[in-house]
Amino acid sequence: TDRTSIAFTLREAGRVTIAVFNALGERIATLFSGWKDAGVSRAQWDASACVAGTYIVRMTNGSNVAERCLTIVR
């Protein structure tokens, strides 16, 4: 499908930004930016406007950064 759900877990509450970048390193979407409580949360991505390829999802929480690759196959 064109939509995906990205689950993430925070050990403690804090400001979180989840963004999607293309292969050129350009930010193409911000899925969430704001305060989240500790625990498991989800961000939704509607990738219907994106072409096939590999994308990077980056979550920033204070000084912590986590990245994962997602591949769209059409």
C-alpha atoms as a PDB file:
ATOM      1  CA  THR A   1       0.000   0.000   0.000  1.00  0.00           C
ATOM      2  CA  ASP A   2       0.983   3.632  -0.136  1.00  0.00           C
ATOM      3  CA  ARG A   3       0.756   4.022   3.632  1.00  0.00           C
ATOM      4  CA  THR A   4       2.950   2.667   6.364  1.00  0.00           C
ATOM      5  CA  SER A   5       3.017   2.905  10.128  1.00  0.00           C
ATOM      6  CA  ILE A   6       6.339   3.513  11.854  1.00  0.00           C
ATOM      7  CA  ALA A   7       6.490   2.406  15.494  1.00  0.00           C
ATOM      8  CA  PHE A   8       8.989   3.890  17.929  1.00  0.00           C
ATOM      9  CA  THR A   9       9.623   3.642  21.660  1.00  0.00           C
ATOM     10  CA  LEU A  10      10.763   6.387  24.009  1.00  0.00           C
ATOM     11  CA  ARG A  11      12.316   5.559  27.373  1.00  0.00           C
ATOM     12  CA  GLU A  12      11.278   8.949  28.718  1.00  0.00           C
ATOM     13  CA  ALA A  13       9.059  11.785  27.564  1.00  0.00           C
ATOM     14  CA  GLY A  14      10.573  14.412  25.318  1.00  0.00           C
ATOM     15  CA  ARG A  15      10.504  16.332  22.078  1.00  0.00           C
ATOM     16  CA  VAL A  16      10.578  14.069  19.022  1.00  0.00           C
ATOM     17  CA  THR A  17      10.952  14.766  15.322  1.00  0.00           C
ATOM     18  CA  ILE A  18      10.412  12.058  12.725  1.00  0.00           C
ATOM     19  CA  ALA A  19      11.311  12.996   9.159  1.00  0.00           C
ATOM     20  CA  VAL A  20      11.717  11.222   5.815  1.00  0.00           C
ATOM     21  CA  PHE A  21      14.658  11.956   3.486  1.00  0.00           C
ATOM     22  CA  ASN A  22      15.205  10.932  -0.129  1.00  0.00           C
ATOM     23  CA  ALA A  23      18.430   9.475  -1.563  1.00  0.00           C
ATOM     24  CA  LEU A  24      19.813  13.005  -2.084  1.00  0.00           C
ATOM     25  CA  GLY A  25      19.411  13.796   1.605  1.00  0.00           C
ATOM     26  CA  GLU A  26      16.508  16.168   1.042  1.00  0.00           C
ATOM     27  CA  ARG A  27      13.746  16.200   3.643  1.00  0.00           C
ATOM     28  CA  ILE A  28      10.546  15.239   1.830  1.00  0.00           C
ATOM     29  CA  ALA A  29       8.201  14.850   4.800  1.00  0.00           C
ATOM     30  CA  THR A  30       7.935  15.494   8.509  1.00  0.00           C
ATOM     31  CA  LEU A  31       5.785  12.778  10.043  1.00  0.00           C
ATOM     32  CA  PHE A  32       5.771  14.159  13.571  1.00  0.00           C
ATOM     33  CA  SER A  33       7.319  17.031  15.470  1.00  0.00           C
ATOM     34  CA  GLY A  34       6.344  17.651  19.066  1.00  0.00           C
ATOM     35  CA  TRP A  35       6.209  16.293  22.588  1.00  0.00           C
ATOM     36  CA  LYS A  36       5.647  12.579  23.208  1.00  0.00           C
ATOM     37  CA  ASP A  37       5.226  10.689  26.458  1.00  0.00           C
ATOM     38  CA  ALA A  38       7.381   7.666  27.245  1.00  0.00           C
ATOM     39  CA  GLY A  39       6.278   4.392  25.693  1.00  0.00           C
ATOM     40  CA  VAL A  40       5.370   3.098  22.258  1.00  0.00           C
ATOM     41  CA  SER A  41       3.985   5.491  19.634  1.00  0.00           C
ATOM     42  CA  ARG A  42       3.330   5.382  15.913  1.00  0.00           C
ATOM     43  CA  ALA A  43       3.781   7.799  13.026  1.00  0.00           C
ATOM     44  CA  GLN A  44       1.929   7.386   9.726  1.00  0.00           C
ATOM     45  CA  TRP A  45       3.517   7.990   6.325  1.00  0.00           C
ATOM     46  CA  ASP A  46       1.481   8.366   3.156  1.00  0.00           C
ATOM     47  CA  ALA A  47       4.051   7.681   0.427  1.00  0.00           C
ATOM     48  CA  SER A  48       1.595   7.805  -2.479  1.00  0.00           C
ATOM     49  CA  ALA A  49       3.390  10.819  -4.015  1.00  0.00           C
ATOM     50  CA  CYS A  50       6.835   9.185  -3.779  1.00  0.00           C
ATOM     51  CA  VAL A  51       8.584   7.327  -6.565  1.00  0.00           C
ATOM     52  CA  ALA A  52      10.065   3.863  -6.109  1.00  0.00           C
ATOM     53  CA  GLY A  53      13.370   3.941  -4.257  1.00  0.00           C
ATOM     54  CA  THR A  54      15.040   3.947  -0.881  1.00  0.00           C
ATOM     55  CA  TYR A  55      14.202   6.516   1.776  1.00  0.00           C
ATOM     56  CA  ILE A  56      15.657   7.261   5.203  1.00  0.00           C
ATOM     57  CA  VAL A  57      13.383   7.738   8.214  1.00  0.00           C
ATOM     58  CA  ARG A  58      15.177   9.705  10.933  1.00  0.00           C
ATOM     59  CA  MET A  59      13.927  10.074  14.500  1.00  0.00           C
ATOM     60  CA  THR A  60      15.551  12.741  16.679  1.00  0.00           C
ATOM     61  CA  ASN A  61      14.936  12.876  20.431  1.00  0.00           C
ATOM     62  CA  GLY A  62      17.259  15.334  22.162  1.00  0.00           C
ATOM     63  CA  SER A  63      20.795  14.223  21.333  1.00  0.00           C
ATOM     64  CA  ASN A  64      19.599  10.746  20.262  1.00  0.00           C
ATOM     65  CA  VAL A  65      19.191  10.005  16.553  1.00  0.00           C
ATOM     66  CA  ALA A  66      17.943   6.766  15.001  1.00  0.00           C
ATOM     67  CA  GLU A  67      17.698   6.062  11.269  1.00  0.00           C
ATOM     68  CA  ARG A  68      16.100   3.281   9.267  1.00  0.00           C
ATOM     69  CA  CYS A  69      15.857   2.650   5.535  1.00  0.00           C
ATOM     70  CA  LEU A  70      12.523   2.078   3.835  1.00  0.00           C
ATOM     71  CA  THR A  71      12.225   0.913   0.255  1.00  0.00           C
ATOM     72  CA  ILE A  72       9.241   1.650  -1.947  1.00  0.00           C
ATOM     73  CA  VAL A  73       8.672  -0.885  -4.718  1.00  0.00           C
ATOM     74  CA  ARG A  74       6.017  -0.128  -7.310  1.00  0.00           C
END
